[in-house]
Structures are given as structure tokens and as C-alpha cells.
Amino acid sequence: MKYLTSLCFPIALFFCCTTVIAQSWETLGASTLSWRFEDMYFVDENHGWVADGAGQILHTSDGGETWSQQHLNGDHYFRSIEFYDTQIGFAGTLANGNPSATLLKTTDGGQSWTNISNTLPVNVPGICGMSMADENTLFITGVFFGSAYIMKTTDQGETWTYNSMASLCNGLVDIHFVDSNRGFAVGQSAQGTGLKAIVIGTTDGGTTWNELAIGEHTNQRAWKLQMLDDAIFYASIEEFEPSPQYFKSVDSGQSWQLQTVETSNTSGTMQGIGLLNEDLGWIGGFSQLFYETEDGGQTWEYQPDIGQSFNRFFRVNSTLMFGSGVNVYRYSDPTLGVADVIVPTPKGHTLKLMGSNPVTTQTEILVDLVNNTYCELSLYTADGQRVQTLWEGRKPKGEHTVSWNTKGLAQGSYFLALYTYFGYQSIKVLVE
């Protein structure tokens, strides 16, 4: 078995927290080397880990007051991280520019990481979600843009079973097991079903899976799962729609209902969801998309100054919530004293129309990618219906020129939308 120990950097990165921004949210001093922290996991109120797209894993042992770098490898675009306790943990990547995804394991709290990718029975393009059902049992899943699968180990990664999910799902994003038998996964429905947001479930430890809920709109994904308590579950929906939606279950995941965030401020992609209790909770996403509810989701208030690009909310207990995005954010006791830091604004992929707008026949589109990423460049009608996909697949960083011919299109307003690891970027175009 190929055994690789990752490079570790035990030098502590001592950063302070920022002033309470609104109510009890604080921006902590974790410093990402990419555009955001993709995932996080806390085993208690003090010990937690975050991972970013630049191959960095940070650890805190004091509830986010200070952070130390435990791993750095530029070939690793981390997408998921999970710990069983303060010692045993796993981290998964997107393949990015590599032939396949990487799976790392630690048994010493992240001080050293072992590459166990060669134990996987199938090479996969990404490990988007993972869930430890017990000390030995881990489920991993992916990937958000296709090749849906779920893998399971009952011996901490020595051996695996592989389950293709293509009959139910085109892609999978997140997974959560309540115990060793009962679990849920979310993503995008199968080809031929409209590629809608989907929730699936199992009661036999992942041997068989069934559809539990499916969204209303095409070309969307259910993105993140949260279990508030034994009865109430949530699943966010990543979509390019004016009124974001999410799923909610009040019967331990047996049935799920669509809920809508009524707002006029949406201009991007929703991804993370986190409820602290039955009344207070948040939904966040790309750029400054951040909404708070104080009445269990009946109404939502837009709060763009809390933070940016939330991908995961992690509820530690009834008074403590963390969020991962451009930085790490903490909702806790508002009496905590903190010092100021500057919150960086990330540079993302960009989309530009090279010719004139309105477009008459032939034009070119410039796409500038700041890192390797999966891309979908598509044309949408003004009401959000996809017309055609112009460019798709895993693409290397740098500038790319995409030709576009408007022949056959009706005159009127459209949107060119670029979907990548960063969410959606869009520009309005007029076809004549």
C-alpha cells in the first residue's frame, strides 16, 4: 500500500477575532489561502478544523480564537472534512487538475495526514461530502457535477464498498448518517428527470437508497444537510432562481417539504443552511448572500454585512454556531470581547462578453479562471429557463475564449451564466 505522510506546519497562526458585526456574529482570524473555506467540522465547542481549496487544513483548540496550520499541499483542493473525535478524521478533495480525488486520514488529531486514496475501489472526480456513523464507519459521496456515487468503509478506510447512484442521482454533494443504518444524501436528480434538487435516504446502512423529495426547478442541486434535532432536518438548495428554496423535514426525514426564502435581494447562489433552534437560523451563499430568520423560516431578513460566501454552517450546541466562507464566522455569546481585523474580499472567476451587446449573430465570451475548476457556461431566458449550454467540463486556470452563435434564438433578453466552484456569475445580454 502506498503510504504518504503529508507536509505539516505546526507553527501557530495567531490571529485575533473581529468586532461583533451584527447581533452575535463574529469574523474569526482564520486565514484562507484560496477564495473560501469549503468545509468545517467541530467535535466540541473548542476543537475544530476547516479546509480550503488551496490545500490547507487549519485547526483550533480554543473555539476559534487561534488557528494552527496542520496541512498544506497545493495539489489538494479540499471539499470535505469530518472527524469522529479529537484524534480520528478524514479529508477529501476535488480532483481539480489531478487524475482523481484524494482522501486523507489522520489518527493524531491532524498533526499528520496519510493519503489512503489507493484503498478506494474506484477513482472518482471528487469527494464532496462525508459522514462518520461510528468510530470505524465512514461514508463518502460526490460529485456535485456528475458521476454520483456513495462509498462505505467499516474499518476506517482499509476496505470499501462502492455504490453507483446513477439511477437516482446525476450528482451528490452532502451526506449525513444518524446512526449506522439510517442516513440521507442530497444532490441532483438523475439524467432525464430535469436535474432537480433531490433528497435520498437509506435505512439499511447504505445498501439501498430511495428518493424522499425532489425540487420544483430544473438545473439545481440540494447542497447541504443539517440535523437540528432527532425530528427536524434541513437541506439547502443551490439554484439560480430569484426566490431561493430549501427542504425541511419535521418527522426525522421521512417526508420533506419545500420552503421559500421570499426576498428581492438575491443575486447569486445559495449553499449553506444552519438553524440554531426552531426559530433562529441562517441561509448563506455566494458573495454577500446571507439571510436570517427569527420565526422558523416564515420570514427572512437580508444581512449582507455578516460575511461572504458561506458554504457550511456547523451547529455545536443550542448557543454556538460556526460558518465557513471567506473566513470562519462564529455566532455565540455577544459579550465576548474581540479586536478588529480586515476581512479580505476574494477574487473569483470572471465572465465577459467580448463583442457588442446587443448581440447580432456571432460573438466571443471571455472566461478568466483563477484556478482549475469544473465549469458550466449556459444561456438562460429572463425567467430562468436554460436554453443551451455553451461550454462544460473540468477546465484549467487561465483565460478561455468561447465562441457563441445566436442563430435560431428569438430576439430578447437573456442571461449568460457561468457556474464553477465559486457558484454563479452572470451577465445580461440582448439578442437582436
Protein backbone atom coordinates (compact mmCIF):
# COMPACT_ATOMS: atom_id res chain seq x y z
CA MET A 1 0.00 0.00 0.00
CA LYS A 2 1.38 3.35 -0.99
CA TYR A 3 1.89 5.41 2.16
CA LEU A 4 2.36 9.14 2.02
CA THR A 5 2.64 11.46 5.01
CA SER A 6 1.54 14.98 4.14
CA LEU A 7 3.59 18.04 4.95
CA CYS A 8 2.67 19.51 8.33
CA PHE A 9 3.25 23.04 9.57
CA PRO A 10 2.90 23.18 13.36
CA ILE A 11 3.63 26.89 13.53
CA ALA A 12 0.59 28.52 15.13
CA LEU A 13 -1.17 31.20 13.14
CA PHE A 14 -2.23 33.52 15.94
CA PHE A 15 -4.95 35.84 14.73
CA CYS A 16 -7.47 37.81 16.71
CA CYS A 17 -11.20 37.92 16.18
CA THR A 18 -13.09 40.87 14.82
CA THR A 19 -15.70 43.05 16.47
CA VAL A 20 -19.22 41.68 16.70
CA ILE A 21 -20.66 42.59 13.29
CA ALA A 22 -24.39 42.18 13.79
CA GLN A 23 -26.12 40.70 16.79
CA SER A 24 -23.74 37.92 17.85
CA TRP A 25 -21.87 37.00 14.66
CA GLU A 26 -18.11 37.46 14.68
CA THR A 27 -15.48 37.08 11.98
CA LEU A 28 -12.65 34.94 13.32
CA GLY A 29 -8.99 35.17 12.39
CA ALA A 30 -8.65 32.08 10.22
CA SER A 31 -6.80 32.97 7.01
CA THR A 32 -7.74 31.09 3.85
CA LEU A 33 -5.20 30.68 1.04
CA SER A 34 -7.96 30.31 -1.55
CA TRP A 35 -11.27 32.07 -2.07
CA ARG A 36 -13.04 30.45 0.89
CA PHE A 37 -13.06 27.59 3.40
CA GLU A 38 -15.03 24.81 1.74
CA ASP A 39 -15.86 22.76 4.82
CA MET A 40 -15.53 22.56 8.59
CA TYR A 41 -16.09 20.18 11.49
CA PHE A 42 -16.17 20.68 15.26
CA VAL A 43 -16.17 17.78 17.75
CA ASP A 44 -16.98 20.10 20.67
CA GLU A 45 -17.05 23.83 21.44
CA ASN A 46 -13.25 24.07 21.39
CA HIS A 47 -11.81 21.63 18.85
CA GLY A 48 -12.48 22.20 15.18
CA TRP A 49 -10.97 22.02 11.68
CA VAL A 50 -11.51 23.94 8.43
CA ALA A 51 -10.21 23.16 4.94
CA ASP A 52 -9.87 25.31 1.83
CA GLY A 53 -9.30 25.00 -1.91
CA ALA A 54 -5.58 25.77 -1.66
CA GLY A 55 -4.83 22.50 0.13
CA GLN A 56 -4.82 23.94 3.64
CA ILE A 57 -6.24 22.47 6.84
CA LEU A 58 -6.40 24.68 9.94
CA HIS A 59 -7.15 23.55 13.49
CA THR A 60 -8.40 25.38 16.58
CA SER A 61 -8.39 24.09 20.15
CA ASP A 62 -9.88 27.21 21.75
CA GLY A 63 -13.16 27.66 19.92
CA GLY A 64 -11.73 29.70 17.04
CA GLU A 65 -9.72 32.25 18.99
CA THR A 66 -6.48 30.98 17.40
CA TRP A 67 -5.73 28.66 14.48
CA SER A 68 -2.75 26.48 13.53
CA GLN A 69 -1.94 25.11 10.10
CA GLN A 70 -1.80 21.32 10.08
CA HIS A 71 -1.58 20.57 6.36
CA LEU A 72 -0.63 22.42 3.18
CA ASN A 73 -0.41 20.86 -0.27
CA GLY A 74 -1.26 22.96 -3.32
CA ASP A 75 -2.37 19.86 -5.26
CA HIS A 76 -5.27 19.36 -2.84
CA TYR A 77 -8.50 21.27 -3.41
CA PHE A 78 -10.25 20.27 -0.18
CA ARG A 79 -14.02 19.94 -0.40
CA SER A 80 -14.90 17.94 2.72
CA ILE A 81 -13.60 17.24 6.21
CA GLU A 82 -15.00 15.06 9.02
CA PHE A 83 -13.83 13.99 12.47
CA TYR A 84 -15.10 11.29 14.80
CA ASP A 85 -13.33 12.65 17.89
CA THR A 86 -10.28 14.81 18.62
CA GLN A 87 -7.99 12.20 17.01
CA ILE A 88 -9.65 10.38 14.09
CA GLY A 89 -10.52 12.37 10.97
CA PHE A 90 -10.71 12.34 7.17
CA ALA A 91 -10.46 14.99 4.44
CA GLY A 92 -11.48 14.72 0.78
CA THR A 93 -10.62 16.74 -2.30
CA LEU A 94 -11.90 17.59 -5.74
CA ALA A 95 -9.72 16.12 -8.48
CA ASN A 96 -9.14 19.61 -9.89
CA GLY A 97 -6.04 19.26 -12.09
CA ASN A 98 -5.25 15.77 -10.79
CA PRO A 99 -6.37 12.45 -12.31
CA SER A 100 -8.71 11.70 -9.40
CA ALA A 101 -9.74 12.89 -5.96
CA THR A 102 -7.57 12.40 -2.86
CA LEU A 103 -8.68 11.01 0.50
CA LEU A 104 -6.56 11.75 3.59
CA LYS A 105 -6.79 10.23 7.09
CA THR A 106 -5.41 11.28 10.47
CA THR A 107 -5.32 9.38 13.76
CA ASP A 108 -3.46 12.03 15.77
CA GLY A 109 -5.80 14.99 15.57
CA GLY A 110 -4.44 16.28 12.27
CA GLN A 111 -0.78 16.51 13.24
CA SER A 112 -0.07 14.07 10.39
CA TRP A 113 -2.20 13.03 7.42
CA THR A 114 -1.93 9.80 5.40
CA ASN A 115 -3.03 9.53 1.78
CA ILE A 116 -5.33 6.49 1.64
CA SER A 117 -6.70 7.12 -1.86
CA ASN A 118 -5.30 3.82 -3.14
CA THR A 119 -7.70 1.93 -0.85
CA LEU A 120 -10.69 3.27 -2.80
CA PRO A 121 -12.10 0.73 -5.28
CA VAL A 122 -12.90 3.39 -7.91
CA ASN A 123 -11.19 6.62 -8.96
CA VAL A 124 -13.66 9.49 -8.54
CA PRO A 125 -13.52 13.16 -9.63
CA GLY A 126 -14.37 14.50 -6.19
CA ILE A 127 -15.30 13.77 -2.57
CA CYS A 128 -17.89 16.42 -1.78
CA GLY A 129 -19.39 15.02 1.41
CA MET A 130 -18.56 12.59 4.19
CA SER A 131 -20.16 11.29 7.38
CA MET A 132 -18.81 9.11 10.17
CA ALA A 133 -21.57 6.89 11.58
CA ASP A 134 -19.29 5.45 14.28
CA GLU A 135 -15.58 5.16 15.04
CA ASN A 136 -14.97 2.75 12.15
CA THR A 137 -17.74 3.52 9.64
CA LEU A 138 -17.34 6.35 7.13
CA PHE A 139 -19.49 7.23 4.13
CA ILE A 140 -18.17 9.45 1.31
CA THR A 141 -20.04 10.84 -1.68
CA GLY A 142 -19.78 13.05 -4.75
CA VAL A 143 -19.52 14.73 -7.02
CA PHE A 144 -21.68 17.82 -7.49
CA PHE A 145 -21.31 17.95 -11.31
CA GLY A 146 -21.89 14.25 -12.05
CA SER A 147 -20.73 10.65 -11.53
CA ALA A 148 -22.91 10.17 -8.45
CA TYR A 149 -21.66 7.54 -6.02
CA ILE A 150 -21.61 6.58 -2.34
CA MET A 151 -18.75 4.59 -0.79
CA LYS A 152 -18.67 2.99 2.66
CA THR A 153 -15.93 1.66 4.92
CA THR A 154 -16.42 -0.17 8.22
CA ASP A 155 -12.71 -0.41 9.07
CA GLN A 156 -11.57 3.23 8.97
CA GLY A 157 -10.67 3.16 5.29
CA GLU A 158 -8.86 -0.16 4.90
CA THR A 159 -11.58 -1.57 2.61
CA TRP A 160 -14.58 -0.04 0.85
CA THR A 161 -17.84 -0.88 -0.87
CA TYR A 162 -18.85 1.22 -3.88
CA ASN A 163 -22.42 2.06 -4.86
CA SER A 164 -23.17 3.88 -8.12
CA MET A 165 -26.12 6.21 -7.61
CA ALA A 166 -26.71 6.98 -11.30
CA SER A 167 -30.23 5.52 -11.30
CA LEU A 168 -31.32 8.10 -8.70
CA CYS A 169 -28.85 10.97 -8.99
CA ASN A 170 -26.72 12.77 -11.54
CA GLY A 171 -24.50 14.17 -8.78
CA LEU A 172 -24.30 14.15 -4.98
CA VAL A 173 -23.00 16.86 -2.65
CA ASP A 174 -23.57 16.05 1.04
CA ILE A 175 -24.32 13.04 3.23
CA HIS A 176 -25.29 12.56 6.87
CA PHE A 177 -25.91 9.41 8.90
CA VAL A 178 -27.98 9.48 12.08
CA ASP A 179 -26.67 6.04 13.05
CA SER A 180 -25.02 3.11 11.27
CA ASN A 181 -28.23 2.24 9.39
CA ARG A 182 -30.20 5.45 8.78
CA GLY A 183 -28.75 8.15 6.57
CA PHE A 184 -29.51 10.82 3.99
CA ALA A 185 -27.75 12.28 0.96
CA VAL A 186 -28.53 15.29 -1.23
CA GLY A 187 -27.63 16.41 -4.72
CA GLN A 188 -29.12 16.49 -8.21
CA SER A 189 -31.67 14.09 -9.68
CA ALA A 190 -30.75 11.68 -12.47
CA GLN A 191 -30.39 12.47 -16.15
CA GLY A 192 -33.81 12.56 -17.79
CA THR A 193 -35.59 13.80 -14.64
CA GLY A 194 -34.87 17.50 -15.05
CA LEU A 195 -31.71 17.58 -12.93
CA LYS A 196 -33.63 18.83 -9.90
CA ALA A 197 -32.66 19.08 -6.24
CA ILE A 198 -33.10 15.69 -4.58
CA VAL A 199 -33.01 14.13 -1.11
CA ILE A 200 -32.45 10.38 -0.85
CA GLY A 201 -32.42 8.10 2.19
CA THR A 202 -31.39 4.67 3.42
CA THR A 203 -32.42 2.53 6.40
CA ASP A 204 -30.04 -0.38 5.80
CA GLY A 205 -26.63 1.23 6.11
CA GLY A 206 -26.41 2.39 2.51
CA THR A 207 -27.16 -0.89 0.75
CA THR A 208 -30.33 0.52 -0.80
CA TRP A 209 -31.43 4.13 -1.29
CA ASN A 210 -34.80 5.72 -2.10
CA GLU A 211 -35.94 9.13 -3.29
CA LEU A 212 -37.51 11.11 -0.44
CA ALA A 213 -38.00 14.55 -2.00
CA ILE A 214 -37.41 16.32 -5.30
CA GLY A 215 -37.39 20.02 -6.14
CA GLU A 216 -39.57 22.06 -8.48
CA HIS A 217 -36.97 23.65 -10.73
CA THR A 218 -34.59 22.18 -13.28
CA ASN A 219 -30.80 22.52 -13.18
CA GLN A 220 -30.46 22.85 -9.41
CA ARG A 221 -28.84 20.85 -6.60
CA ALA A 222 -29.66 20.16 -2.98
CA TRP A 223 -26.42 21.26 -1.36
CA LYS A 224 -26.01 20.91 2.41
CA LEU A 225 -27.75 18.87 5.11
CA GLN A 226 -28.36 19.89 8.71
CA MET A 227 -29.89 17.82 11.52
CA LEU A 228 -31.25 20.24 14.13
CA ASP A 229 -32.53 17.51 16.46
CA ASP A 230 -33.98 14.00 16.24
CA ALA A 231 -37.03 15.23 14.33
CA ILE A 232 -36.13 18.40 12.39
CA PHE A 233 -33.81 18.25 9.36
CA TYR A 234 -32.92 20.82 6.67
CA ALA A 235 -31.39 20.65 3.20
CA SER A 236 -30.33 23.78 1.31
CA ILE A 237 -30.85 24.12 -2.44
CA GLU A 238 -28.24 25.63 -4.71
CA GLU A 239 -30.03 27.23 -7.63
CA PHE A 240 -30.05 30.21 -9.94
CA GLU A 241 -33.54 31.45 -9.06
CA PRO A 242 -34.90 34.79 -7.77
CA SER A 243 -36.50 33.18 -4.67
CA PRO A 244 -34.23 30.58 -3.01
CA GLN A 245 -35.74 27.38 -1.65
CA TYR A 246 -34.78 24.72 0.86
CA PHE A 247 -36.18 21.44 2.17
CA LYS A 248 -37.43 20.92 5.73
CA SER A 249 -38.45 17.72 7.49
CA VAL A 250 -40.26 17.59 10.85
CA ASP A 251 -40.62 13.80 11.03
CA SER A 252 -36.99 12.63 11.20
CA GLY A 253 -36.54 12.70 7.43
CA GLN A 254 -39.48 10.55 6.42
CA SER A 255 -41.02 13.43 4.43
CA TRP A 256 -39.63 16.77 3.25
CA GLN A 257 -41.40 20.00 2.32
CA LEU A 258 -40.15 22.82 0.10
CA GLN A 259 -39.79 26.19 1.82
CA THR A 260 -39.12 29.54 0.11
CA VAL A 261 -36.97 32.47 1.16
CA GLU A 262 -39.02 35.40 -0.09
CA THR A 263 -36.58 38.19 -0.92
CA SER A 264 -35.77 40.78 -3.54
CA ASN A 265 -32.04 40.87 -2.75
CA THR A 266 -30.87 37.57 -4.28
CA SER A 267 -28.15 37.92 -6.90
CA GLY A 268 -26.26 34.66 -6.72
CA THR A 269 -26.16 31.13 -5.37
CA MET A 270 -27.44 29.85 -2.02
CA GLN A 271 -25.46 27.00 -0.48
CA GLY A 272 -25.19 26.71 3.32
CA ILE A 273 -28.04 26.38 5.83
CA GLY A 274 -27.94 26.30 9.63
CA LEU A 275 -30.62 26.59 12.31
CA LEU A 276 -29.57 27.18 15.92
CA ASN A 277 -33.04 26.31 17.23
CA GLU A 278 -36.55 26.04 15.81
CA ASP A 279 -36.79 29.82 15.45
CA LEU A 280 -33.32 31.25 14.81
CA GLY A 281 -31.30 30.30 11.75
CA TRP A 282 -29.44 31.37 8.63
CA ILE A 283 -29.00 30.66 4.95
CA GLY A 284 -25.88 31.88 3.16
CA GLY A 285 -24.23 31.57 -0.19
CA PHE A 286 -22.06 33.09 -2.84
CA SER A 287 -20.72 36.61 -2.26
CA GLN A 288 -22.83 38.59 0.26
CA LEU A 289 -25.91 36.38 0.22
CA PHE A 290 -26.86 35.95 3.88
CA TYR A 291 -30.34 35.77 5.39
CA GLU A 292 -31.56 35.37 8.96
CA THR A 293 -34.87 34.09 10.29
CA GLU A 294 -36.17 34.55 13.82
CA ASP A 295 -39.51 32.84 13.27
CA GLY A 296 -38.56 29.41 11.96
CA GLY A 297 -38.38 30.43 8.31
CA GLN A 298 -41.67 32.27 7.95
CA THR A 299 -39.76 35.47 7.18
CA TRP A 300 -36.12 36.17 6.33
CA GLU A 301 -34.05 39.34 6.71
CA TYR A 302 -31.21 40.14 4.31
CA GLN A 303 -27.96 40.82 6.24
CA PRO A 304 -25.14 41.27 3.71
CA ASP A 305 -22.56 42.53 6.22
CA ILE A 306 -22.27 39.31 8.26
CA GLY A 307 -19.75 37.59 5.96
CA GLN A 308 -19.20 36.25 2.47
CA SER A 309 -19.59 33.02 0.50
CA PHE A 310 -20.96 30.71 3.19
CA ASN A 311 -20.72 27.03 2.27
CA ARG A 312 -21.20 25.23 5.59
CA PHE A 313 -22.88 26.07 8.88
CA PHE A 314 -21.93 23.87 11.83
CA ARG A 315 -24.12 23.81 14.93
CA VAL A 316 -22.13 22.80 18.03
CA ASN A 317 -24.93 23.22 20.57
CA SER A 318 -28.01 25.34 21.25
CA THR A 319 -25.93 28.53 21.75
CA LEU A 320 -22.96 28.07 19.40
CA MET A 321 -22.82 28.03 15.58
CA PHE A 322 -19.86 28.29 13.20
CA GLY A 323 -19.91 29.14 9.49
CA SER A 324 -17.24 28.64 6.83
CA GLY A 325 -16.82 31.05 3.94
CA VAL A 326 -14.26 33.70 3.05
CA ASN A 327 -13.32 33.43 6.73
CA VAL A 328 -14.65 31.43 9.67
CA TYR A 329 -17.61 33.02 11.42
CA ARG A 330 -18.98 32.35 14.92
CA TYR A 331 -22.36 33.00 16.48
CA SER A 332 -22.12 32.86 20.26
CA ASP A 333 -22.36 34.97 23.43
CA PRO A 334 -22.44 38.66 22.32
CA THR A 335 -20.44 39.74 25.38
CA LEU A 336 -17.19 38.25 24.00
CA GLY A 337 -14.53 40.93 23.58
CA VAL A 338 -12.67 41.00 20.28
CA ALA A 339 -10.27 43.09 18.22
CA ASP A 340 -10.56 44.35 14.65
CA VAL A 341 -9.21 42.63 11.56
CA ILE A 342 -9.78 43.31 7.88
CA VAL A 343 -11.94 40.75 6.10
CA PRO A 344 -10.49 40.05 2.62
CA THR A 345 -12.66 40.14 -0.48
CA PRO A 346 -11.95 37.09 -2.64
CA LYS A 347 -11.17 37.21 -6.32
CA GLY A 348 -13.38 34.87 -8.28
CA HIS A 349 -13.70 33.59 -11.82
CA THR A 350 -14.92 36.27 -14.23
CA LEU A 351 -17.16 36.33 -17.29
CA LYS A 352 -17.06 38.97 -20.02
CA LEU A 353 -18.76 39.46 -23.39
CA MET A 354 -16.06 40.47 -25.88
CA GLY A 355 -18.25 41.93 -28.61
CA SER A 356 -21.09 44.39 -28.62
CA ASN A 357 -24.22 44.00 -26.53
CA PRO A 358 -26.85 43.63 -28.13
CA VAL A 359 -25.50 40.56 -29.97
CA THR A 360 -26.50 40.11 -33.60
CA THR A 361 -25.00 36.80 -34.80
CA GLN A 362 -21.50 35.67 -33.76
CA THR A 363 -19.57 36.82 -30.71
CA GLU A 364 -16.98 35.62 -28.23
CA ILE A 365 -17.10 35.23 -24.45
CA LEU A 366 -14.01 35.58 -22.26
CA VAL A 367 -13.85 33.36 -19.19
CA ASP A 368 -11.00 34.01 -16.73
CA LEU A 369 -10.50 31.17 -14.23
CA VAL A 370 -8.33 31.82 -11.16
CA ASN A 371 -7.86 28.09 -10.53
CA ASN A 372 -8.69 24.72 -12.06
CA THR A 373 -12.43 24.17 -11.80
CA TYR A 374 -15.48 22.45 -13.19
CA CYS A 375 -17.40 24.86 -15.46
CA GLU A 376 -20.84 25.20 -16.98
CA LEU A 377 -21.37 28.21 -19.25
CA SER A 378 -25.05 28.33 -20.20
CA LEU A 379 -27.62 30.66 -21.69
CA TYR A 380 -30.85 31.31 -19.75
CA THR A 381 -34.06 33.12 -20.59
CA ALA A 382 -35.03 36.14 -18.50
CA ASP A 383 -37.29 33.91 -16.35
CA GLY A 384 -34.51 31.41 -15.57
CA GLN A 385 -35.07 28.62 -18.14
CA ARG A 386 -31.88 27.13 -19.56
CA VAL A 387 -31.72 27.46 -23.36
CA GLN A 388 -28.36 25.92 -24.17
CA THR A 389 -25.02 25.01 -22.62
CA LEU A 390 -22.11 26.59 -24.48
CA TRP A 391 -19.13 25.20 -22.55
CA GLU A 392 -18.85 22.45 -19.95
CA GLY A 393 -16.31 20.29 -18.15
CA ARG A 394 -13.22 20.46 -15.96
CA LYS A 395 -11.10 23.38 -17.14
CA PRO A 396 -7.60 24.63 -16.22
CA LYS A 397 -6.99 28.07 -14.73
CA GLY A 398 -6.33 30.94 -17.10
CA GLU A 399 -8.20 32.81 -19.83
CA HIS A 400 -10.50 30.92 -22.18
CA THR A 401 -12.40 32.19 -25.23
CA VAL A 402 -15.78 30.62 -26.02
CA SER A 403 -17.48 31.27 -29.35
CA TRP A 404 -21.23 31.85 -29.35
CA ASN A 405 -23.58 31.95 -32.34
CA THR A 406 -27.07 33.31 -31.69
CA LYS A 407 -28.57 31.80 -34.85
CA GLY A 408 -32.03 30.38 -34.15
CA LEU A 409 -32.57 32.35 -30.94
CA ALA A 410 -35.60 34.59 -30.57
CA GLN A 411 -34.90 38.27 -30.06
CA GLY A 412 -34.98 39.43 -26.47
CA SER A 413 -33.18 39.46 -23.12
CA TYR A 414 -31.11 36.51 -21.84
CA PHE A 415 -28.54 35.74 -19.18
CA LEU A 416 -25.14 34.16 -19.73
CA ALA A 417 -24.34 32.28 -16.51
CA LEU A 418 -21.01 30.72 -15.56
CA TYR A 419 -21.18 28.05 -12.87
CA THR A 420 -17.93 26.99 -11.15
CA TYR A 421 -16.62 26.09 -7.70
CA PHE A 422 -17.33 29.74 -6.84
CA GLY A 423 -21.03 29.49 -7.62
CA TYR A 424 -22.68 31.54 -10.38
CA GLN A 425 -21.50 34.63 -12.25
CA SER A 426 -23.95 36.07 -14.78
CA ILE A 427 -24.26 38.90 -17.29
CA LYS A 428 -27.39 40.13 -19.07
CA VAL A 429 -27.31 40.04 -22.88
CA LEU A 430 -29.71 41.25 -25.53
CA VAL A 431 -30.10 39.21 -28.72
CA GLU A 432 -31.21 41.02 -31.87
